[in-house]
Protein backbone atom coordinates (compact mmCIF):
# COMPACT_ATOMS: atom_id res chain seq x y z
CA MET A 1 104.96 223.24 150.18
CA LYS A 2 101.87 224.42 148.40
CA LYS A 3 102.46 225.60 144.83
CA ARG A 4 100.17 227.36 142.51
CA LEU A 5 100.74 226.80 138.76
CA ILE A 6 98.87 228.43 135.96
CA TYR A 7 98.56 226.75 132.73
CA SER A 8 97.54 228.42 129.54
CA CYS A 9 96.33 226.18 126.70
CA LEU A 10 96.10 227.60 123.25
CA ILE A 11 95.21 225.36 120.31
CA LEU A 12 96.44 226.58 117.04
CA ALA A 13 95.93 224.98 113.68
CA ALA A 14 99.35 224.85 112.16
CA SER A 15 98.81 222.77 109.02
CA PHE A 16 95.86 221.66 107.08
CA THR A 17 95.22 218.62 104.71
CA ALA A 18 92.72 218.50 101.99
CA CYS A 19 89.75 216.27 102.55
CA GLU A 20 86.74 215.01 100.73
CA LYS A 21 83.99 217.62 100.45
CA ASN A 22 81.29 215.54 102.33
CA LEU A 23 83.68 214.73 105.08
CA ASP A 24 84.83 218.39 105.37
CA GLU A 25 81.15 219.42 105.69
CA THR A 26 80.21 216.86 108.34
CA ASN A 27 83.52 216.81 110.32
CA THR A 28 84.56 220.40 110.57
CA ASP A 29 84.01 222.00 113.98
CA PRO A 30 82.51 225.40 113.31
CA ASN A 31 83.94 226.72 116.63
CA LYS A 32 87.54 225.58 116.04
CA THR A 33 90.42 228.17 115.93
CA THR A 34 92.57 228.43 112.85
CA ALA A 35 95.59 230.48 112.07
CA ALA A 36 93.48 232.49 109.65
CA ILE A 37 91.02 233.75 112.22
CA PHE A 38 93.06 233.70 115.46
CA ASN A 39 94.07 237.09 116.76
CA PRO A 40 97.82 236.82 117.33
CA ALA A 41 97.77 239.77 119.78
CA PHE A 42 96.11 237.44 122.42
CA LEU A 43 99.49 235.60 122.58
CA MET A 44 101.13 238.80 123.69
CA SER A 45 99.15 239.12 126.85
CA GLN A 46 99.53 235.39 127.62
CA ALA A 47 103.28 235.69 127.23
CA GLN A 48 103.58 238.81 129.30
CA PHE A 49 101.62 237.29 132.14
CA GLN A 50 103.46 234.04 132.15
CA PHE A 51 106.78 235.83 132.20
CA SER A 52 105.82 238.18 134.89
CA GLN A 53 104.98 235.39 137.28
CA THR A 54 107.88 234.33 139.46
CA GLY A 55 107.03 233.22 142.97
CA TYR A 56 109.23 230.39 144.02
CA ASP A 57 111.16 230.75 140.82
CA GLN A 58 113.17 233.49 142.60
CA MET A 59 112.07 233.51 146.15
CA LEU A 60 113.55 230.11 147.11
CA PHE A 61 117.04 230.87 145.88
CA GLN A 62 117.83 234.35 144.45
CA SER A 63 116.01 236.37 146.98
CA MET A 64 118.19 235.09 149.74
CA TRP A 65 121.46 234.72 147.81
CA ILE A 66 121.44 238.47 147.54
CA GLN A 67 120.12 238.94 151.14
CA GLY A 68 116.98 240.68 150.30
CA LEU A 69 114.93 238.09 152.18
CA SER A 70 115.79 235.70 154.96
CA SER A 71 114.18 232.64 156.54
CA THR A 72 114.78 230.00 159.21
CA TYR A 73 112.19 227.72 157.64
CA ASP A 74 113.25 224.31 156.24
CA TYR A 75 112.74 224.57 152.43
CA TYR A 76 114.15 228.06 152.40
CA TYR A 77 117.49 226.48 153.42
CA ASN A 78 117.96 226.15 149.69
CA GLY A 79 118.59 229.89 149.28
CA ASP A 80 119.21 231.12 152.80
CA LYS A 81 121.86 228.63 153.79
CA TYR A 82 122.93 227.13 150.43
CA VAL A 83 121.63 223.68 151.58
CA LEU A 84 119.46 221.62 149.30
CA LYS A 85 116.20 220.71 151.12
CA GLY A 86 113.14 218.97 149.94
CA SER A 87 112.74 219.02 146.19
CA GLY A 88 115.42 221.69 145.82
CA THR A 89 116.93 220.45 142.63
CA SER A 90 113.44 220.59 140.94
CA TYR A 91 113.60 224.31 141.30
CA TYR A 92 116.61 224.65 138.97
CA SER A 93 114.08 224.41 136.11
CA ARG A 94 111.61 227.02 137.26
CA THR A 95 113.07 230.06 135.52
CA TRP A 96 114.05 227.97 132.55
CA ASN A 97 110.53 226.58 132.02
CA ARG A 98 108.81 229.89 132.71
CA GLY A 99 111.11 231.77 130.34
CA TYR A 100 110.87 229.33 127.50
CA GLY A 101 107.09 228.88 128.00
CA ALA A 102 106.71 232.58 127.47
CA LEU A 103 109.11 232.57 124.54
CA THR A 104 107.17 229.83 122.82
CA LEU A 105 104.06 232.05 122.86
CA VAL A 106 105.91 235.02 121.42
CA ASP A 107 107.48 232.77 118.71
CA GLU A 108 104.00 231.64 117.65
CA MET A 109 102.77 235.20 117.74
CA LYS A 110 105.65 236.24 115.36
CA ASN A 111 105.06 233.42 113.13
CA LEU A 112 101.43 234.39 112.76
CA VAL A 113 102.20 238.02 111.91
CA ALA A 114 105.10 237.34 109.60
CA GLU A 115 104.92 239.29 106.34
CA LYS A 116 101.67 241.03 107.42
CA PRO A 117 102.41 244.80 107.36
CA ALA A 118 99.30 245.55 109.46
CA TYR A 119 100.96 243.79 112.41
CA SER A 120 104.39 245.45 112.08
CA ASN A 121 104.23 247.05 115.50
CA LEU A 122 103.10 243.75 117.14
CA ASP A 123 105.94 241.98 115.41
CA ASN A 124 108.43 244.46 116.74
CA CYS A 125 107.00 244.38 120.26
CA GLY A 126 107.47 240.61 120.01
CA THR A 127 111.17 241.07 119.22
CA ILE A 128 111.52 243.25 122.34
CA LEU A 129 109.71 240.67 124.37
CA ARG A 130 112.04 237.90 123.04
CA ALA A 131 115.02 239.82 124.34
CA LEU A 132 113.34 240.67 127.68
CA PHE A 133 112.58 236.92 128.17
CA ILE A 134 115.85 235.47 127.06
CA GLN A 135 117.95 237.78 129.14
CA ARG A 136 116.53 236.58 132.35
CA VAL A 137 117.13 232.91 131.31
CA THR A 138 120.71 233.34 130.04
CA ASP A 139 121.67 235.55 132.98
CA LEU A 140 120.74 232.85 135.43
CA TYR A 141 122.20 229.84 133.48
CA GLY A 142 124.80 231.01 130.90
CA ASP A 143 124.72 229.55 127.38
CA VAL A 144 121.17 228.55 126.48
CA PRO A 145 119.11 227.77 123.39
CA TYR A 146 118.27 230.93 121.44
CA SER A 147 118.83 230.69 117.73
CA GLN A 148 117.06 227.27 117.51
CA GLU A 149 114.54 227.65 120.45
CA GLY A 150 110.91 227.32 119.60
CA GLN A 151 111.56 225.33 116.45
CA ALA A 152 110.03 221.95 117.35
CA LYS A 153 107.49 222.39 114.52
CA VAL A 154 110.22 222.09 111.95
CA GLY A 155 111.87 219.15 113.74
CA ILE A 156 114.38 220.83 116.03
CA THR A 157 113.73 219.23 119.36
CA THR A 158 117.37 219.27 120.64
CA PRO A 159 118.43 222.89 120.04
CA VAL A 160 121.99 224.04 120.35
CA PHE A 161 123.02 226.08 123.32
CA ASP A 162 124.08 229.56 121.96
CA LYS A 163 127.13 231.23 123.52
CA GLN A 164 125.98 233.98 125.90
CA GLN A 165 128.23 236.39 124.19
CA ASP A 166 126.40 235.69 120.92
CA ILE A 167 123.10 235.91 122.60
CA TYR A 168 123.93 239.36 123.87
CA MET A 169 125.10 240.72 120.59
CA SER A 170 121.95 239.34 118.98
CA MET A 171 119.72 240.99 121.52
CA LEU A 172 121.46 244.37 120.93
CA THR A 173 121.26 244.31 117.30
CA GLN A 174 117.53 243.05 117.31
CA LEU A 175 116.54 245.56 119.91
CA ASP A 176 118.08 248.30 117.85
CA ALA A 177 116.28 247.30 114.68
CA ALA A 178 112.90 246.56 116.33
CA THR A 179 112.72 249.64 118.54
CA ALA A 180 113.68 251.96 115.72
CA ALA A 181 110.93 250.37 113.49
CA LEU A 182 108.04 250.94 115.95
CA ASP A 183 105.77 253.38 114.28
CA VAL A 184 103.02 255.41 116.10
CA THR A 185 101.19 256.00 112.93
CA LYS A 186 100.50 252.27 112.41
CA ASP A 187 98.08 249.87 114.19
CA LYS A 188 98.87 249.60 117.89
CA PRO A 189 99.05 246.17 119.58
CA THR A 190 95.95 245.07 121.29
CA SER A 191 95.77 242.66 124.40
CA ASP A 192 98.89 244.42 125.70
CA LEU A 193 99.22 244.11 129.44
CA PHE A 194 102.24 246.41 129.75
CA TYR A 195 100.99 249.59 128.09
CA GLY A 196 97.56 249.01 126.56
CA GLY A 197 99.19 249.20 123.12
CA ASP A 198 100.95 252.56 123.62
CA VAL A 199 103.69 252.44 120.94
CA THR A 200 105.58 255.36 122.39
CA LYS A 201 105.98 253.57 125.68
CA TRP A 202 107.09 250.41 123.82
CA LYS A 203 109.77 252.43 122.09
CA ARG A 204 110.93 253.69 125.44
CA LEU A 205 110.96 250.11 126.85
CA GLY A 206 112.99 248.92 123.83
CA TYR A 207 115.63 251.50 124.40
CA SER A 208 115.64 250.97 128.19
CA LEU A 209 116.01 247.30 127.60
CA MET A 210 118.94 247.89 125.19
CA LEU A 211 120.52 249.97 127.95
CA ARG A 212 120.18 247.17 130.50
CA VAL A 213 121.62 244.56 128.01
CA ALA A 214 124.53 246.92 127.32
CA MET A 215 125.40 247.57 130.87
CA ARG A 216 125.60 243.94 131.66
CA LEU A 217 128.66 243.95 129.47
CA THR A 218 130.70 246.59 131.42
CA LYS A 219 133.28 244.10 132.68
CA VAL A 220 133.67 241.97 129.48
CA ASP A 221 133.14 244.40 126.68
CA PRO A 222 133.08 248.03 127.71
CA ALA A 223 133.24 249.39 124.22
CA THR A 224 130.12 247.63 123.12
CA ALA A 225 128.44 248.57 126.41
CA GLN A 226 129.22 252.20 125.82
CA LYS A 227 128.10 252.12 122.19
CA TYR A 228 124.68 250.75 123.00
CA ALA A 229 124.11 252.62 126.25
CA GLU A 230 124.73 255.88 124.39
CA LYS A 231 122.52 254.75 121.56
CA ALA A 232 119.75 253.88 124.03
CA PHE A 233 119.94 257.29 125.67
CA ALA A 234 119.81 259.07 122.32
CA GLY A 235 116.86 256.97 121.27
CA GLY A 236 114.83 257.78 124.37
CA THR A 237 114.56 255.61 127.50
CA MET A 238 111.72 255.57 129.99
CA ALA A 239 110.63 259.11 130.96
CA SER A 240 108.61 258.55 134.18
CA ILE A 241 107.08 255.84 136.44
CA ALA A 242 104.13 255.73 133.89
CA ASP A 243 106.60 253.87 131.65
CA ASN A 244 107.19 251.14 134.28
CA ALA A 245 106.78 247.65 132.68
CA LYS A 246 104.43 245.72 134.94
CA VAL A 247 101.54 243.26 134.83
CA GLN A 248 98.42 243.32 136.93
CA ALA A 249 97.33 239.95 138.34
CA ASP A 250 93.65 238.88 138.29
CA TYR A 251 92.94 236.48 141.10
CA ALA A 252 89.12 236.26 140.50
CA ASN A 253 89.70 234.86 137.12
CA GLY A 254 92.33 232.29 138.06
CA ASN A 255 95.44 234.53 137.47
CA GLY A 256 96.46 235.38 140.96
CA ASN A 257 99.89 236.81 141.79
CA ASP A 258 102.46 234.10 142.27
CA ASN A 259 104.68 236.07 144.72
CA ALA A 260 101.57 236.54 146.93
CA ALA A 261 100.58 232.88 146.62
CA ALA A 262 104.05 231.84 147.75
CA LEU A 263 104.14 234.29 150.70
CA LEU A 264 100.66 233.37 151.93
CA VAL A 265 101.44 229.71 152.37
CA PRO A 266 101.19 229.68 156.23
CA ASP A 267 104.74 228.66 156.90
CA ASP A 268 106.10 231.20 154.45
CA PHE A 269 103.99 233.98 155.91
CA ARG A 270 105.23 233.20 159.49
CA GLU A 271 108.95 232.49 158.47
CA VAL A 272 109.94 234.68 155.51
CA ARG A 273 111.50 237.93 156.66
CA TRP A 274 113.31 240.91 155.23
CA SER A 275 117.08 240.34 155.56
CA LYS A 276 119.11 242.16 158.21
CA THR A 277 121.48 243.19 155.31
CA LEU A 278 118.75 245.07 153.44
CA ILE A 279 116.83 246.59 156.42
CA ASP A 280 120.06 247.80 158.15
CA TYR A 281 121.21 249.52 155.01
CA MET A 282 117.86 251.27 154.40
CA LYS A 283 117.64 252.36 158.10
CA SER A 284 121.16 253.56 158.04
CA SER A 285 120.28 256.13 155.45
CA THR A 286 116.85 256.89 157.03
CA ASP A 287 115.12 255.59 153.91
CA PRO A 288 111.37 256.40 154.19
CA ARG A 289 110.51 253.21 152.22
CA VAL A 290 111.11 251.07 155.36
CA ALA A 291 107.67 251.70 156.68
CA ALA A 292 106.12 251.15 153.29
CA VAL A 293 107.64 247.70 152.82
CA ALA A 294 107.99 246.21 156.25
CA GLU A 295 106.06 245.33 159.25
CA ILE A 296 105.96 243.13 162.31
CA SER A 297 102.89 241.21 163.55
CA ALA A 298 100.37 243.30 165.35
CA GLY A 299 99.95 240.51 167.94
CA THR A 300 102.25 238.11 169.80
CA GLY A 301 102.79 234.45 169.52
CA LYS A 302 102.64 231.84 166.73
CA ALA A 303 98.87 232.38 165.94
CA ALA A 304 99.31 236.08 165.50
CA ASN A 305 102.21 235.55 163.19
CA GLU A 306 100.29 233.18 161.13
CA ALA A 307 97.27 235.47 160.86
CA GLN A 308 97.19 237.05 157.43
CA ALA A 309 96.43 240.50 158.65
CA ALA A 310 98.09 243.88 158.57
CA GLY A 311 100.91 244.41 161.00
CA VAL A 312 102.72 247.34 162.55
CA SER A 313 104.89 249.22 160.11
CA THR A 314 106.38 251.83 162.45
CA ASN A 315 109.87 252.48 161.10
CA ALA A 316 111.65 252.26 164.54
CA LEU A 317 110.26 248.75 165.16
CA GLN A 318 111.53 247.12 161.95
CA ILE A 319 114.39 244.67 162.35
CA GLY A 320 115.83 242.53 159.57
CA MET A 321 116.63 238.95 160.24
CA PRO A 322 120.31 237.71 159.53
CA ASN A 323 120.65 235.07 156.91
CA GLY A 324 122.02 231.63 157.85
CA TYR A 325 120.08 230.85 161.09
CA ASP A 326 117.53 228.10 162.00
CA GLN A 327 115.32 227.11 164.84
CA ASN A 328 117.02 223.88 165.79
CA GLY A 329 118.43 224.92 169.21
CA GLY A 330 122.10 224.63 168.30
CA ALA A 331 124.85 227.22 167.60
CA THR A 332 123.00 228.54 164.54
CA ASP A 333 119.59 228.85 166.26
CA ILE A 334 118.10 232.23 165.59
CA SER A 335 118.14 233.00 169.30
CA LYS A 336 121.92 233.00 169.13
CA ALA A 337 122.06 235.68 166.42
CA PRO A 338 123.73 238.96 167.37
CA ASN A 339 121.33 241.50 168.75
CA TYR A 340 118.46 238.99 168.74
CA PRO A 341 115.22 240.86 169.58
CA GLY A 342 113.77 238.06 171.61
CA THR A 343 110.94 235.70 170.91
CA SER A 344 107.41 236.84 170.41
CA PRO A 345 105.75 235.26 173.38
CA ALA A 346 102.62 233.03 173.25
CA ALA A 347 99.42 234.96 173.49
CA ASN A 348 97.68 232.43 175.74
CA ALA A 349 97.82 228.96 177.05
CA THR A 350 96.80 227.44 173.73
CA ASP A 351 99.30 229.42 171.70
CA ALA A 352 103.02 229.00 171.16
CA ALA A 353 105.97 231.46 170.91
CA ALA A 354 107.16 232.80 167.67
CA PRO A 355 111.06 232.89 167.69
CA ALA A 356 111.19 235.02 164.57
CA GLY A 357 108.05 237.02 165.34
CA LYS A 358 109.84 240.27 166.06
CA TYR A 359 111.63 240.40 162.81
CA SER A 360 110.20 242.30 159.91
CA ARG A 361 108.24 240.63 157.15
CA PRO A 362 107.12 242.02 153.77
CA ARG A 363 103.98 244.04 154.43
CA PHE A 364 100.92 241.80 154.13
CA SER A 365 98.74 244.49 152.38
CA VAL A 366 101.50 245.19 149.89
CA TYR A 367 103.11 241.79 149.03
CA GLY A 368 100.16 239.52 149.97
CA ASP A 369 97.86 241.02 147.47
CA ARG A 370 96.84 238.17 145.07
CA ASN A 371 95.80 241.02 142.62
CA GLY A 372 98.98 242.72 143.04
CA ILE A 373 101.41 243.98 140.31
CA ASN A 374 104.33 241.96 139.00
CA MET A 375 107.04 244.64 138.45
CA ILE A 376 109.33 243.82 135.50
CA TYR A 377 111.41 246.85 134.66
CA THR A 378 111.12 250.36 136.10
CA TYR A 379 111.95 253.84 135.08
CA GLY A 380 114.05 254.13 138.27
CA GLU A 381 116.10 251.20 137.20
CA SER A 382 116.78 252.68 133.71
CA GLU A 383 117.81 255.95 135.36
CA LEU A 384 120.28 254.23 137.60
CA LEU A 385 121.84 252.52 134.65
CA LEU A 386 122.17 255.82 132.84
CA ALA A 387 123.65 257.34 135.95
CA GLU A 388 126.29 254.68 136.00
CA ALA A 389 127.05 255.00 132.32
CA ALA A 390 127.43 258.77 132.76
CA SER A 391 129.58 258.20 135.87
CA ARG A 392 131.89 256.16 133.54
CA GLY A 393 132.28 259.12 131.21
CA TRP A 394 129.74 258.02 128.62
CA ASN A 395 127.49 260.34 126.73
CA THR A 396 124.27 259.55 128.64
CA GLY A 397 123.41 262.85 130.37
CA ALA A 398 124.29 264.06 133.86
CA ALA A 399 124.85 261.26 136.40
CA ALA A 400 123.58 263.34 139.45
CA VAL A 401 120.36 264.19 137.65
CA HIS A 402 119.67 260.53 136.70
CA TYR A 403 120.47 259.44 140.20
CA ALA A 404 118.07 261.96 141.88
CA ASN A 405 115.41 260.96 139.29
CA ALA A 406 115.86 257.34 140.24
CA LEU A 407 115.62 257.91 144.01
CA THR A 408 112.36 259.81 143.54
CA ALA A 409 110.89 257.23 141.03
CA ASP A 410 111.93 254.23 143.19
CA MET A 411 109.93 255.53 146.06
CA GLN A 412 106.90 256.56 143.93
CA SER A 413 106.86 253.22 142.11
CA LEU A 414 106.14 251.35 145.29
CA ALA A 415 102.66 252.77 145.17
CA GLN A 416 102.03 250.89 141.93
CA LEU A 417 102.37 247.48 143.61
CA ASN A 418 98.63 247.35 144.47
CA THR A 419 95.59 249.56 144.84
CA SER A 420 95.92 250.19 148.52
CA ALA A 421 97.74 253.16 149.85
CA ALA A 422 99.95 250.88 152.06
CA ALA A 423 103.11 251.24 150.03
CA THR A 424 102.69 254.90 149.34
CA VAL A 425 105.73 256.76 150.61
CA ASP A 426 104.94 260.08 152.11
CA PRO A 427 105.30 262.54 149.23
CA ALA A 428 106.80 265.22 151.57
CA SER A 429 109.58 262.95 152.63
CA ILE A 430 110.83 262.08 149.20
CA PRO A 431 112.40 265.38 148.01
CA ALA A 432 113.94 265.77 151.47
CA TYR A 433 115.56 262.26 151.15
CA VAL A 434 116.81 262.99 147.60
CA ALA A 435 118.30 266.31 148.68
CA ALA A 436 120.08 264.68 151.59
CA HIS A 437 121.56 261.87 149.39
CA PRO A 438 123.24 263.53 146.39
CA LEU A 439 125.43 261.45 144.11
CA ILE A 440 129.08 261.86 144.99
CA PRO A 441 131.52 261.23 142.12
CA ALA A 442 133.98 259.28 144.37
CA THR A 443 131.44 256.75 145.50
CA ALA A 444 128.97 257.00 142.52
CA LEU A 445 129.20 253.40 141.42
CA GLN A 446 128.57 252.08 144.92
CA GLN A 447 125.52 254.46 145.59
CA ILE A 448 124.01 253.76 142.25
CA ASN A 449 124.23 249.96 142.52
CA MET A 450 123.25 249.89 146.25
CA GLU A 451 120.09 251.73 145.17
CA TYR A 452 119.59 249.23 142.32
CA TRP A 453 119.68 246.49 144.93
CA VAL A 454 117.07 248.26 147.07
CA VAL A 455 114.66 248.96 144.35
CA THR A 456 114.74 245.52 142.74
CA SER A 457 114.46 243.86 146.20
CA THR A 458 111.52 246.02 147.32
CA THR A 459 109.74 245.47 144.09
CA PHE A 460 110.29 241.67 144.33
CA ASN A 461 112.47 241.55 141.20
CA PHE A 462 115.08 239.39 142.81
CA ASN A 463 116.20 237.89 139.45
CA GLU A 464 117.46 241.34 138.49
CA SER A 465 118.94 241.92 141.93
CA PHE A 466 120.99 238.80 141.50
CA ALA A 467 122.17 239.60 138.06
CA ASN A 468 123.20 243.18 138.92
CA TRP A 469 124.92 242.10 142.09
CA ARG A 470 127.19 239.72 140.11
CA ARG A 471 127.93 242.49 137.52
CA SER A 472 128.65 245.34 139.81
CA GLY A 473 129.80 243.70 143.06
CA TYR A 474 127.32 245.66 145.13
CA PRO A 475 126.26 245.24 147.83
CA VAL A 476 129.41 243.69 149.26
CA LEU A 477 127.94 240.53 150.88
CA THR A 478 129.24 238.04 153.36
CA PRO A 479 128.56 234.42 152.45
CA VAL A 480 126.60 232.27 154.89
CA THR A 481 128.38 229.52 156.72
CA TYR A 482 126.35 226.45 157.57
CA GLN A 483 126.71 222.63 157.56
CA GLY A 484 126.13 220.64 154.36
CA GLN A 485 126.33 223.49 151.84
CA TYR A 486 126.36 223.01 148.15
CA ILE A 487 128.80 225.83 147.98
CA THR A 488 131.13 226.98 150.67
CA GLY A 489 133.09 230.28 151.08
CA SER A 490 131.26 232.19 148.48
CA ILE A 491 127.66 233.09 147.36
CA PRO A 492 126.31 231.25 144.29
CA ARG A 493 127.01 232.83 140.97
CA ARG A 494 124.55 230.99 138.82
CA MET A 495 121.77 228.39 138.84
CA PRO A 496 122.72 224.93 137.53
CA TYR A 497 120.92 223.75 134.47
CA PRO A 498 117.69 221.82 134.83
CA THR A 499 118.42 218.18 135.88
CA THR A 500 116.59 216.77 132.89
CA LEU A 501 118.79 218.27 130.26
CA PRO A 502 121.47 215.48 130.23
CA GLN A 503 118.71 213.17 129.16
CA THR A 504 116.71 215.33 126.89
CA ASN A 505 119.49 217.26 125.14
CA GLY A 506 122.62 215.58 126.28
CA ALA A 507 125.14 216.44 123.56
CA ASN A 508 124.21 220.19 123.48
CA TYR A 509 124.13 220.25 127.30
CA GLN A 510 127.64 218.77 127.58
CA ALA A 511 128.99 221.28 125.10
CA ALA A 512 127.44 224.15 127.17
CA VAL A 513 128.89 222.90 130.38
CA ALA A 514 132.35 222.61 128.77
CA GLY A 515 132.35 226.27 128.11
CA LEU A 516 131.28 227.34 131.63
CA GLN A 517 133.81 228.97 133.95
CA GLY A 518 133.53 226.38 136.84
CA GLY A 519 131.18 223.98 135.12
CA ASP A 520 127.56 223.29 135.84
CA THR A 521 127.68 224.29 139.44
CA PHE A 522 126.56 227.12 141.66
CA ALA A 523 130.09 228.40 141.59
CA GLY A 524 130.20 228.58 137.77
CA ARG A 525 130.19 231.90 136.07
CA VAL A 526 128.38 233.07 133.04
CA TYR A 527 130.17 235.05 130.26
CA TRP A 528 129.65 238.58 131.51
CA ASP A 529 130.43 237.70 135.26
CA LYS A 530 134.22 238.15 135.53
């Protein structure tokens, strides 16, 4: 498997020692960076980009656990069939390493601006980023280092694992303070990839993130969830798709989109497909997004399915591939799947057939764009969470209005994924769809969370799809059955900790495992997942 890794190296002078004047004059590098002259805002953009990148971090496991994507290909057995393949265990650490790498950059940024009033907005944005980053990590693993993370400089190299309950309470109180403290009259952050330093948008993000953190607690602490969801609504959450938190990749300068890099590996491009579960649901409601996100190859056979070129996106031709199948010729061969559309025949004598060639793949021009957007949190998602809160009787506005806003926004947001018009949903079809799909109180929680699944899947935010599925129970999914599974009879509920932790932080790792419902397994459950 090809992998693309981006490394950011930032050398910061953290301590200085006095030296003899003549040595100082002859040995000082005039070009070196010091804490006194380094612009801490640069660390914000580094952290934002690093966190936004996901690729195999979520595509190999989470995307297929929640049946957004599907694959018959060997190393995708890890997520599609719950069978470890290749270096599957090495991927346990991907989200952990990415999250803590980004957190380290924010920690350093906050250290550099501490007690400097001119940087107060940057400091508060850093607090919001810390909550954004740690939520993804703790949601996937459970108890993780938080209060002692990023303190290697002061000698803490084996940080304690904070209880997830404590992490959540800390996120809420810190988001409350930092978001309220943002001040449009003060200097705005520079080198900001989300909003170009717009403090008003940061304030909306802070309250929207508070909302998401609060709603994760609906099963375990509904009183706290209500308190902070209402506080977030009163403070002012995202107001339009212009507030979407996203990061633009820059392939020409070595910062290409990791999702695209993963998909464009030839085997991935040929084998990764939209799941039947997702496409069937979208087509059942005549969702106009189907043609914006899905396509089949324009040609037939293996060569055409490997060609990185635009396909045919006609809605009626799109077919999702069921999870749990292979191409091994046995009972689970894809050709034995119900309603198998048939193989895509070889184009000529030198070609080969493509057994999965008639199943829909993510559109090449949308998801194969190495300069494409990494979507992190959208206005539509925040509106869906407000709709759910209102449906629970909380003071967050009108549920039906939030839901209609979300449907509109979710379709419009697809156009932001890249600069082409490929993912643009026909504007005329959006209001008609919204009018035909009003929120019905008796089925509100199901409608809201099914849409949350669709929007996070189609924007390739599968980490969030997986988290909200565990919290809400929607969609109702049937686990895959296959030989040699690491979990049987149920869909995974969490990612095991990185395999290096027993050696590098053994005592704290063992303490964390002891507190997990089900232990350090795929069946274990994090605090809020009851």
